[in-house]
Amino acid sequence: MTAEKKIKGPGLYQRQKKHTQYNGPVIICDGLQTPDNLGSILRVADAAGSSGIILLDSHLDLNNKKITKLARSADRHISIEQLSLAEFMTNRSRFKNLYALEITTQSKSLFEAEILNCDAIILGHESKGIREEIIALCDRVIHLPMYGINGSMNVSHALAVFLYEWRRQQNLISVLV
């Protein structure tokens, strides 16, 4: 068996350049509070090919060095909009299939959900989750099954799981077509 070698430098850059697609769902963050989470969300958004981020009612300073450090330059490639809830509600029609990543009495497990058509995913406030008036605007609510003692995980980690499942489902369709 041939020894595996890590790809790095120009080889890694060329490989990534071939796969670059910013066609993933827009990420909408409801009341995100910490620069660390925004930096991580930007990095995940770039890795999974999301087309942009909308911050709802967030007072984050987008020039915070923690964001830039954690985003590792993704903040230069992913567009960020800041909107109030009222502005978002006025522009809700921008999204044909708006999904929420939240556990509710009617949410469906990510493992059972078809999420191919999702064009925007809403994430909640770090401790309060997604506001009910925003959940009411969603076409579907998806949750990640939790198998430990905690009822949730970090918002950027949950986003990564969701986006890579979205990407996996997209790839399955392209293989079948």
Protein backbone atom coordinates (compact mmCIF):
# COMPACT_ATOMS: atom_id res chain seq x y z
CA MET A 1 0.00 0.00 0.00
CA THR A 2 1.25 3.48 -0.90
CA ALA A 3 1.96 5.77 2.03
CA GLU A 4 -0.59 8.58 2.43
CA LYS A 5 0.78 12.10 2.23
CA LYS A 6 -0.94 15.21 3.44
CA ILE A 7 -1.75 17.78 0.81
CA LYS A 8 -0.64 21.28 1.69
CA GLY A 9 0.54 24.54 0.19
CA PRO A 10 -0.06 25.11 -3.53
CA GLY A 11 -1.37 21.55 -4.06
CA LEU A 12 -4.08 22.03 -1.45
CA TYR A 13 -4.93 25.46 -2.83
CA GLN A 14 -5.37 24.08 -6.37
CA ARG A 15 -7.52 21.21 -5.12
CA GLN A 16 -9.77 23.56 -3.14
CA LYS A 17 -10.02 26.00 -6.04
CA LYS A 18 -11.49 23.21 -8.22
CA HIS A 19 -14.24 22.56 -5.67
CA THR A 20 -15.10 26.15 -4.77
CA GLN A 21 -18.86 26.68 -4.99
CA TYR A 22 -20.67 29.38 -3.06
CA ASN A 23 -24.13 28.02 -3.73
CA GLY A 24 -24.99 26.79 -0.25
CA PRO A 25 -27.80 28.08 1.92
CA VAL A 26 -27.63 31.60 3.32
CA ILE A 27 -26.99 31.47 7.06
CA ILE A 28 -29.27 33.64 9.16
CA CYS A 29 -28.22 34.22 12.77
CA ASP A 30 -30.95 35.37 15.15
CA GLY A 31 -29.36 37.56 17.83
CA LEU A 32 -25.86 36.05 17.69
CA GLN A 33 -23.82 37.53 20.55
CA THR A 34 -20.23 36.36 20.52
CA PRO A 35 -17.49 37.27 18.04
CA ASP A 36 -15.99 33.79 18.52
CA ASN A 37 -19.17 32.16 17.21
CA LEU A 38 -19.39 34.51 14.23
CA GLY A 39 -15.76 33.81 13.33
CA SER A 40 -16.39 30.06 13.51
CA ILE A 41 -19.63 30.39 11.52
CA LEU A 42 -17.78 32.31 8.80
CA ARG A 43 -15.16 29.59 8.58
CA VAL A 44 -17.80 26.85 8.38
CA ALA A 45 -19.78 28.89 5.83
CA ASP A 46 -16.72 29.15 3.62
CA ALA A 47 -15.81 25.48 4.02
CA ALA A 48 -19.30 24.32 3.05
CA GLY A 49 -19.79 26.95 0.33
CA SER A 50 -22.57 29.08 1.79
CA SER A 51 -23.54 32.12 -0.20
CA GLY A 52 -23.78 34.62 2.67
CA ILE A 53 -24.67 35.44 6.26
CA ILE A 54 -27.44 37.62 7.65
CA LEU A 55 -27.21 38.82 11.25
CA LEU A 56 -30.60 39.61 12.78
CA ASP A 57 -30.68 42.12 15.63
CA SER A 58 -27.00 41.57 16.33
CA HIS A 59 -24.77 44.21 17.82
CA LEU A 60 -21.51 42.47 17.00
CA ASP A 61 -18.61 44.66 15.94
CA LEU A 62 -17.64 43.16 12.60
CA ASN A 63 -14.14 44.62 12.99
CA ASN A 64 -13.48 42.57 16.14
CA LYS A 65 -10.12 40.82 15.80
CA LYS A 66 -11.54 37.57 17.22
CA ILE A 67 -13.86 37.30 14.22
CA THR A 68 -11.05 37.81 11.74
CA LYS A 69 -8.72 35.40 13.55
CA LEU A 70 -11.25 32.58 13.78
CA ALA A 71 -12.62 33.16 10.26
CA ARG A 72 -9.12 32.76 8.73
CA SER A 73 -9.92 35.15 5.86
CA ALA A 74 -13.40 33.72 5.19
CA ASP A 75 -14.74 37.10 6.32
CA ARG A 76 -13.31 38.52 3.07
CA HIS A 77 -15.19 36.01 0.88
CA ILE A 78 -18.57 35.65 2.58
CA SER A 79 -20.97 38.60 2.48
CA ILE A 80 -22.50 39.70 5.78
CA GLU A 81 -25.76 41.67 6.06
CA GLN A 82 -27.10 43.13 9.29
CA LEU A 83 -30.88 43.41 9.49
CA SER A 84 -33.50 44.14 12.11
CA LEU A 85 -36.32 41.65 12.60
CA ALA A 86 -38.70 44.07 10.85
CA GLU A 87 -36.39 44.36 7.82
CA PHE A 88 -36.06 40.59 7.66
CA MET A 89 -39.82 40.07 7.84
CA THR A 90 -40.26 42.54 4.98
CA ASN A 91 -37.72 40.60 2.90
CA ARG A 92 -38.79 37.07 3.91
CA SER A 93 -39.84 36.33 0.32
CA ARG A 94 -36.16 36.31 -0.74
CA PHE A 95 -36.08 32.71 0.46
CA LYS A 96 -38.21 29.96 -1.06
CA ASN A 97 -37.26 27.34 1.52
CA LEU A 98 -36.40 28.88 4.86
CA TYR A 99 -35.42 26.31 7.48
CA ALA A 100 -34.73 26.69 11.19
CA LEU A 101 -32.16 24.64 13.09
CA GLU A 102 -33.96 24.29 16.41
CA ILE A 103 -35.60 21.59 18.48
CA THR A 104 -39.36 22.07 18.79
CA THR A 105 -42.42 19.88 19.27
CA GLN A 106 -42.80 19.69 15.46
CA SER A 107 -39.13 19.62 14.35
CA LYS A 108 -37.81 16.78 12.27
CA SER A 109 -34.50 15.01 12.86
CA LEU A 110 -31.79 15.95 10.38
CA PHE A 111 -31.31 12.21 9.85
CA GLU A 112 -34.87 11.90 8.52
CA ALA A 113 -35.18 15.19 6.66
CA GLU A 114 -34.71 15.99 3.02
CA ILE A 115 -32.99 19.37 3.05
CA LEU A 116 -31.93 19.66 -0.59
CA ASN A 117 -34.13 22.66 -1.32
CA CYS A 118 -33.08 24.70 1.69
CA ASP A 119 -31.86 28.10 0.51
CA ALA A 120 -31.54 29.66 3.99
CA ILE A 121 -30.97 28.22 7.46
CA ILE A 122 -31.72 30.12 10.65
CA LEU A 123 -29.57 29.63 13.74
CA GLY A 124 -30.52 30.84 17.19
CA HIS A 125 -29.10 32.98 19.93
CA GLU A 126 -26.47 31.11 21.94
CA SER A 127 -28.72 30.65 24.99
CA LYS A 128 -32.24 31.66 23.90
CA GLY A 129 -32.43 29.89 20.56
CA ILE A 130 -34.57 31.19 17.69
CA ARG A 131 -37.42 33.56 18.52
CA GLU A 132 -40.88 32.05 18.06
CA GLU A 133 -41.96 34.77 15.60
CA ILE A 134 -39.04 33.79 13.38
CA ILE A 135 -39.74 30.06 13.66
CA ALA A 136 -43.30 30.86 12.51
CA LEU A 137 -41.84 32.24 9.25
CA CYS A 138 -39.99 29.00 8.48
CA ASP A 139 -41.03 26.33 6.01
CA ARG A 140 -39.42 23.58 8.06
CA VAL A 141 -37.77 23.14 11.46
CA ILE A 142 -34.91 20.67 11.73
CA HIS A 143 -33.10 19.46 14.83
CA LEU A 144 -29.93 17.52 15.45
CA PRO A 145 -30.50 14.43 17.58
CA MET A 146 -28.54 14.68 20.82
CA TYR A 147 -27.28 11.48 22.44
CA GLY A 148 -25.52 12.83 25.51
CA ILE A 149 -26.70 14.78 28.53
CA ASN A 150 -26.66 18.21 26.85
CA GLY A 151 -29.72 19.38 24.95
CA SER A 152 -27.77 21.33 22.35
CA MET A 153 -24.33 21.97 20.91
CA ASN A 154 -22.37 25.04 19.92
CA VAL A 155 -24.11 26.98 17.15
CA SER A 156 -21.18 26.77 14.72
CA HIS A 157 -20.81 23.02 15.27
CA ALA A 158 -24.52 22.48 14.67
CA LEU A 159 -24.27 24.57 11.51
CA ALA A 160 -21.35 22.45 10.26
CA VAL A 161 -23.35 19.25 10.71
CA PHE A 162 -26.35 20.74 8.91
CA LEU A 163 -24.38 22.22 5.97
CA TYR A 164 -22.37 19.09 5.35
CA GLU A 165 -25.54 17.01 5.37
CA TRP A 166 -27.00 19.51 2.86
CA ARG A 167 -23.86 19.18 0.73
CA ARG A 168 -23.99 15.35 1.02
CA GLN A 169 -27.60 15.31 -0.18
CA GLN A 170 -26.68 17.65 -3.07
CA ASN A 171 -23.86 15.32 -4.09
CA LEU A 172 -26.14 12.27 -3.99
CA ILE A 173 -28.56 13.96 -6.37
CA SER A 174 -25.78 14.98 -8.78
CA VAL A 175 -24.51 11.37 -8.83
CA LEU A 176 -27.99 10.02 -9.56
CA VAL A 177 -28.78 12.53 -12.32
